[in-house]
């Protein structure tokens, strides 16, 4: 290697070291700024002992409702239709134990108080697509449960808020 090639190689090494340290330095400024901005979006409360705590936004603030149902006297009916060939387990959290819904069958859960959460899972551990349908009858929410094909769309729970907004998780 000639002296000029050796000098060029050393300059590239120095340039890489300086660039790398600048990148690390920049991220030390960017990360705190983005954290500060996200913290401003959340509510901060002070308790009696002067400790600060953060209350994250409610689900309504994070996602749009998948459907809406109008509660009748603070209650809704939920019709679950299992379109898969597999049995499902479902539970109305705080109101029932786990129950089974056989493949290609339907069940209507009546007089559920809002806000209410329902969990569901295929017994064969397969993916599940959940499609709540807009209200066709006052107080009735129809939910189609079908085989999923994409892991990112797999849903295992649904919540009906007091407003009638339906959220999937």
C-alpha atoms as a PDB file:
ATOM      1  CA  UNK A   1       0.000   0.000   0.000  1.00  0.00           C
ATOM      2  CA  UNK A   2       1.369   3.395  -0.960  1.00  0.00           C
ATOM      3  CA  UNK A   3       1.658   6.278   1.457  1.00  0.00           C
ATOM      4  CA  UNK A   4      -1.236   8.181  -0.194  1.00  0.00           C
ATOM      5  CA  UNK A   5      -3.525   5.097  -0.076  1.00  0.00           C
ATOM      6  CA  UNK A   6      -2.640   4.605   3.605  1.00  0.00           C
ATOM      7  CA  UNK A   7      -3.438   8.279   4.302  1.00  0.00           C
ATOM      8  CA  UNK A   8      -6.818   7.982   2.509  1.00  0.00           C
ATOM      9  CA  UNK A   9      -7.645   4.842   4.521  1.00  0.00           C
ATOM     10  CA  UNK A  10      -6.822   6.619   7.807  1.00  0.00           C
ATOM     11  CA  UNK A  11      -9.001   9.589   6.815  1.00  0.00           C
ATOM     12  CA  UNK A  12     -11.960   7.257   6.125  1.00  0.00           C
ATOM     13  CA  UNK A  13     -11.484   5.602   9.522  1.00  0.00           C
ATOM     14  CA  UNK A  14     -11.425   9.002  11.267  1.00  0.00           C
ATOM     15  CA  UNK A  15     -14.456  10.170   9.266  1.00  0.00           C
ATOM     16  CA  UNK A  16     -16.365   7.006  10.267  1.00  0.00           C
ATOM     17  CA  UNK A  17     -15.489   7.443  13.947  1.00  0.00           C
ATOM     18  CA  UNK A  18     -16.568  11.094  13.938  1.00  0.00           C
ATOM     19  CA  UNK A  19     -19.806  10.311  12.038  1.00  0.00           C
ATOM     20  CA  UNK A  20     -20.624   7.486  14.416  1.00  0.00           C
ATOM     21  CA  UNK A  21     -20.107   9.641  17.480  1.00  0.00           C
ATOM     22  CA  UNK A  22     -22.283  12.382  15.956  1.00  0.00           C
ATOM     23  CA  UNK A  23     -25.086   9.897  15.344  1.00  0.00           C
ATOM     24  CA  UNK A  24     -24.908   8.702  18.924  1.00  0.00           C
ATOM     25  CA  UNK A  25     -24.909  12.306  20.130  1.00  0.00           C
ATOM     26  CA  UNK A  26     -27.928  13.175  17.989  1.00  0.00           C
ATOM     27  CA  UNK A  27     -29.976  10.281  19.330  1.00  0.00           C
ATOM     28  CA  UNK A  28     -29.296  11.434  22.866  1.00  0.00           C
ATOM     29  CA  UNK A  29     -31.112  14.679  21.953  1.00  0.00           C
ATOM     30  CA  UNK A  30     -33.890  13.179  19.808  1.00  0.00           C
ATOM     31  CA  UNK A  31     -35.037  10.520  22.285  1.00  0.00           C
ATOM     32  CA  UNK A  32     -35.597  12.882  25.258  1.00  0.00           C
ATOM     33  CA  UNK A  33     -37.411  15.378  23.010  1.00  0.00           C
ATOM     34  CA  UNK A  34     -39.795  12.707  21.653  1.00  0.00           C
ATOM     35  CA  UNK A  35     -40.367  11.348  25.166  1.00  0.00           C
ATOM     36  CA  UNK A  36     -41.134  14.834  26.421  1.00  0.00           C
ATOM     37  CA  UNK A  37     -43.639  15.376  23.598  1.00  0.00           C
ATOM     38  CA  UNK A  38     -45.424  12.081  24.285  1.00  0.00           C
ATOM     39  CA  UNK A  39     -45.505  12.862  28.010  1.00  0.00           C
ATOM     40  CA  UNK A  40     -47.193  16.191  27.259  1.00  0.00           C
ATOM     41  CA  UNK A  41     -49.970  14.298  25.454  1.00  0.00           C
ATOM     42  CA  UNK A  42     -50.732  12.346  28.630  1.00  0.00           C
ATOM     43  CA  UNK A  43     -52.390  13.738  31.728  1.00  0.00           C
ATOM     44  CA  UNK A  44     -50.158  14.307  34.723  1.00  0.00           C
ATOM     45  CA  UNK A  45     -51.674  14.433  38.201  1.00  0.00           C
ATOM     46  CA  UNK A  46     -50.235  15.312  41.575  1.00  0.00           C
ATOM     47  CA  UNK A  47     -51.235  13.297  44.623  1.00  0.00           C
ATOM     48  CA  UNK A  48     -51.344  14.573  48.225  1.00  0.00           C
ATOM     49  CA  UNK A  49     -47.758  13.497  48.913  1.00  0.00           C
ATOM     50  CA  UNK A  50     -46.436  15.532  45.930  1.00  0.00           C
ATOM     51  CA  UNK A  51     -45.609  12.421  43.861  1.00  0.00           C
ATOM     52  CA  UNK A  52     -46.436  12.772  40.177  1.00  0.00           C
ATOM     53  CA  UNK A  53     -48.132   9.979  38.306  1.00  0.00           C
ATOM     54  CA  UNK A  54     -49.201   9.671  34.676  1.00  0.00           C
ATOM     55  CA  UNK A  55     -52.639   8.527  33.574  1.00  0.00           C
ATOM     56  CA  UNK A  56     -52.476   7.054  30.044  1.00  0.00           C
ATOM     57  CA  UNK A  57     -55.233   7.966  27.599  1.00  0.00           C
ATOM     58  CA  UNK A  58     -58.390   5.846  27.514  1.00  0.00           C
ATOM     59  CA  UNK A  59     -58.848   3.322  24.661  1.00  0.00           C
ATOM     60  CA  UNK A  60     -61.189   5.745  22.896  1.00  0.00           C
ATOM     61  CA  UNK A  61     -58.278   8.143  22.563  1.00  0.00           C
ATOM     62  CA  UNK A  62     -56.037   5.508  21.023  1.00  0.00           C
ATOM     63  CA  UNK A  63     -58.275   3.801  18.471  1.00  0.00           C
ATOM     64  CA  UNK A  64     -61.494   4.437  16.630  1.00  0.00           C
ATOM     65  CA  UNK A  65     -64.495   2.256  17.476  1.00  0.00           C
ATOM     66  CA  UNK A  66     -65.016  -0.831  15.314  1.00  0.00           C
ATOM     67  CA  UNK A  67     -68.791  -0.458  15.610  1.00  0.00           C
ATOM     68  CA  UNK A  68     -71.453   1.303  17.661  1.00  0.00           C
ATOM     69  CA  UNK A  69     -74.560   0.011  19.375  1.00  0.00           C
ATOM     70  CA  UNK A  70     -77.154   2.091  21.227  1.00  0.00           C
ATOM     71  CA  UNK A  71     -77.677   0.638  24.722  1.00  0.00           C
ATOM     72  CA  UNK A  72     -81.294   0.266  25.829  1.00  0.00           C
ATOM     73  CA  UNK A  73     -81.717   1.098  29.526  1.00  0.00           C
ATOM     74  CA  UNK A  74     -77.945   0.678  29.980  1.00  0.00           C
ATOM     75  CA  UNK A  75     -77.938  -2.850  28.535  1.00  0.00           C
ATOM     76  CA  UNK A  76     -77.022  -4.502  25.229  1.00  0.00           C
ATOM     77  CA  UNK A  77     -77.544  -7.883  23.604  1.00  0.00           C
ATOM     78  CA  UNK A  78     -74.572  -9.415  21.795  1.00  0.00           C
ATOM     79  CA  UNK A  79     -75.102 -12.068  19.113  1.00  0.00           C
ATOM     80  CA  UNK A  80     -71.923 -14.098  18.544  1.00  0.00           C
ATOM     81  CA  UNK A  81     -71.786 -16.115  15.315  1.00  0.00           C
ATOM     82  CA  UNK A  82     -68.971 -18.644  15.011  1.00  0.00           C
ATOM     83  CA  UNK A  83     -68.316 -19.012  11.275  1.00  0.00           C
ATOM     84  CA  UNK A  84     -65.293 -21.287  11.816  1.00  0.00           C
ATOM     85  CA  UNK A  85     -65.354 -25.071  12.010  1.00  0.00           C
ATOM     86  CA  UNK A  86     -63.533 -24.915  15.354  1.00  0.00           C
ATOM     87  CA  UNK A  87     -65.109 -24.573  18.785  1.00  0.00           C
ATOM     88  CA  UNK A  88     -64.562 -21.236  20.547  1.00  0.00           C
ATOM     89  CA  UNK A  89     -64.398 -20.391  24.209  1.00  0.00           C
ATOM     90  CA  UNK A  90     -65.876 -17.066  25.279  1.00  0.00           C
ATOM     91  CA  UNK A  91     -66.436 -15.292  28.573  1.00  0.00           C
ATOM     92  CA  UNK A  92     -68.307 -12.168  29.569  1.00  0.00           C
ATOM     93  CA  UNK A  93     -65.748 -10.824  32.020  1.00  0.00           C
ATOM     94  CA  UNK A  94     -67.235 -10.488  35.505  1.00  0.00           C
ATOM     95  CA  UNK A  95     -70.584 -11.998  34.464  1.00  0.00           C
ATOM     96  CA  UNK A  96     -70.037 -15.581  33.246  1.00  0.00           C
ATOM     97  CA  UNK A  97     -67.470 -18.340  33.395  1.00  0.00           C
ATOM     98  CA  UNK A  98     -65.841 -19.589  30.196  1.00  0.00           C
ATOM     99  CA  UNK A  99     -68.369 -21.102  27.835  1.00  0.00           C
ATOM    100  CA  UNK A 100     -68.084 -23.011  24.560  1.00  0.00           C
ATOM    101  CA  UNK A 101     -69.525 -21.986  21.209  1.00  0.00           C
ATOM    102  CA  UNK A 102     -69.347 -24.842  18.716  1.00  0.00           C
ATOM    103  CA  UNK A 103     -68.279 -24.319  15.116  1.00  0.00           C
ATOM    104  CA  UNK A 104     -70.913 -22.951  12.725  1.00  0.00           C
ATOM    105  CA  UNK A 105     -73.224 -21.923  15.592  1.00  0.00           C
ATOM    106  CA  UNK A 106     -74.664 -18.788  17.209  1.00  0.00           C
ATOM    107  CA  UNK A 107     -75.425 -17.584  20.721  1.00  0.00           C
ATOM    108  CA  UNK A 108     -77.091 -14.374  21.914  1.00  0.00           C
ATOM    109  CA  UNK A 109     -75.900 -12.911  25.208  1.00  0.00           C
ATOM    110  CA  UNK A 110     -78.822 -10.943  26.629  1.00  0.00           C
ATOM    111  CA  UNK A 111     -79.079  -7.933  28.912  1.00  0.00           C
ATOM    112  CA  UNK A 112     -75.365  -7.288  29.335  1.00  0.00           C
ATOM    113  CA  UNK A 113     -74.714  -4.084  31.276  1.00  0.00           C
ATOM    114  CA  UNK A 114     -72.455  -1.553  29.577  1.00  0.00           C
ATOM    115  CA  UNK A 115     -69.511  -1.179  29.943  1.00  0.00           C
ATOM    116  CA  UNK A 116     -68.784  -4.865  29.327  1.00  0.00           C
ATOM    117  CA  UNK A 117     -65.855  -6.907  28.034  1.00  0.00           C
ATOM    118  CA  UNK A 118     -66.040 -10.244  26.238  1.00  0.00           C
ATOM    119  CA  UNK A 119     -63.040 -12.469  25.560  1.00  0.00           C
ATOM    120  CA  UNK A 120     -62.960 -15.224  22.953  1.00  0.00           C
ATOM    121  CA  UNK A 121     -60.434 -17.739  21.661  1.00  0.00           C
ATOM    122  CA  UNK A 122     -60.459 -20.650  19.244  1.00  0.00           C
ATOM    123  CA  UNK A 123     -59.933 -23.936  21.045  1.00  0.00           C
ATOM    124  CA  UNK A 124     -57.469 -25.077  18.364  1.00  0.00           C
ATOM    125  CA  UNK A 125     -55.432 -21.874  19.019  1.00  0.00           C
ATOM    126  CA  UNK A 126     -56.044 -20.685  15.451  1.00  0.00           C
ATOM    127  CA  UNK A 127     -56.286 -17.038  14.466  1.00  0.00           C
ATOM    128  CA  UNK A 128     -59.599 -15.245  14.785  1.00  0.00           C
ATOM    129  CA  UNK A 129     -61.074 -12.371  12.778  1.00  0.00           C
ATOM    130  CA  UNK A 130     -63.776 -10.442  14.635  1.00  0.00           C
ATOM    131  CA  UNK A 131     -66.296  -8.374  12.669  1.00  0.00           C
ATOM    132  CA  UNK A 132     -68.793  -6.422  14.771  1.00  0.00           C
ATOM    133  CA  UNK A 133     -71.655  -5.169  12.646  1.00  0.00           C
ATOM    134  CA  UNK A 134     -73.475  -1.920  13.139  1.00  0.00           C
ATOM    135  CA  UNK A 135     -76.739  -1.990  14.964  1.00  0.00           C
ATOM    136  CA  UNK A 136     -79.649  -3.452  12.997  1.00  0.00           C
ATOM    137  CA  UNK A 137     -82.001  -3.695  15.982  1.00  0.00           C
ATOM    138  CA  UNK A 138     -81.881  -1.276  18.944  1.00  0.00           C
ATOM    139  CA  UNK A 139     -79.621  -2.653  21.658  1.00  0.00           C
ATOM    140  CA  UNK A 140     -78.329  -5.567  19.518  1.00  0.00           C
ATOM    141  CA  UNK A 141     -74.709  -5.946  18.435  1.00  0.00           C
ATOM    142  CA  UNK A 142     -74.006  -8.733  15.952  1.00  0.00           C
ATOM    143  CA  UNK A 143     -70.455 -10.099  15.942  1.00  0.00           C
ATOM    144  CA  UNK A 144     -69.128 -12.518  13.302  1.00  0.00           C
ATOM    145  CA  UNK A 145     -66.147 -14.631  14.405  1.00  0.00           C
ATOM    146  CA  UNK A 146     -64.235 -16.136  11.483  1.00  0.00           C
ATOM    147  CA  UNK A 147     -60.905 -17.792  10.732  1.00  0.00           C
ATOM    148  CA  UNK A 148     -58.021 -15.355  10.620  1.00  0.00           C
ATOM    149  CA  UNK A 149     -55.210 -15.464   8.089  1.00  0.00           C
ATOM    150  CA  UNK A 150     -52.933 -12.713   9.398  1.00  0.00           C
ATOM    151  CA  UNK A 151     -51.460 -12.639  12.907  1.00  0.00           C
ATOM    152  CA  UNK A 152     -51.704  -8.847  13.104  1.00  0.00           C
ATOM    153  CA  UNK A 153     -55.494  -9.019  12.733  1.00  0.00           C
ATOM    154  CA  UNK A 154     -56.013 -11.702  15.415  1.00  0.00           C
ATOM    155  CA  UNK A 155     -58.461 -10.477  18.065  1.00  0.00           C
ATOM    156  CA  UNK A 156     -59.246 -12.033  21.437  1.00  0.00           C
ATOM    157  CA  UNK A 157     -61.393  -9.446  23.228  1.00  0.00           C
ATOM    158  CA  UNK A 158     -64.121  -6.899  22.681  1.00  0.00           C
ATOM    159  CA  UNK A 159     -65.330  -4.086  24.911  1.00  0.00           C
ATOM    160  CA  UNK A 160     -68.636  -2.237  24.665  1.00  0.00           C
ATOM    161  CA  UNK A 161     -68.337   1.146  26.385  1.00  0.00           C
ATOM    162  CA  UNK A 162     -71.196   2.986  28.104  1.00  0.00           C
ATOM    163  CA  UNK A 163     -71.438   5.191  24.992  1.00  0.00           C
ATOM    164  CA  UNK A 164     -72.078   2.091  22.859  1.00  0.00           C
ATOM    165  CA  UNK A 165     -68.691   2.304  21.139  1.00  0.00           C
ATOM    166  CA  UNK A 166     -67.193  -1.126  20.458  1.00  0.00           C
ATOM    167  CA  UNK A 167     -63.417  -1.670  20.679  1.00  0.00           C
ATOM    168  CA  UNK A 168     -61.471  -4.786  19.682  1.00  0.00           C
ATOM    169  CA  UNK A 169     -58.182  -6.015  21.137  1.00  0.00           C
END
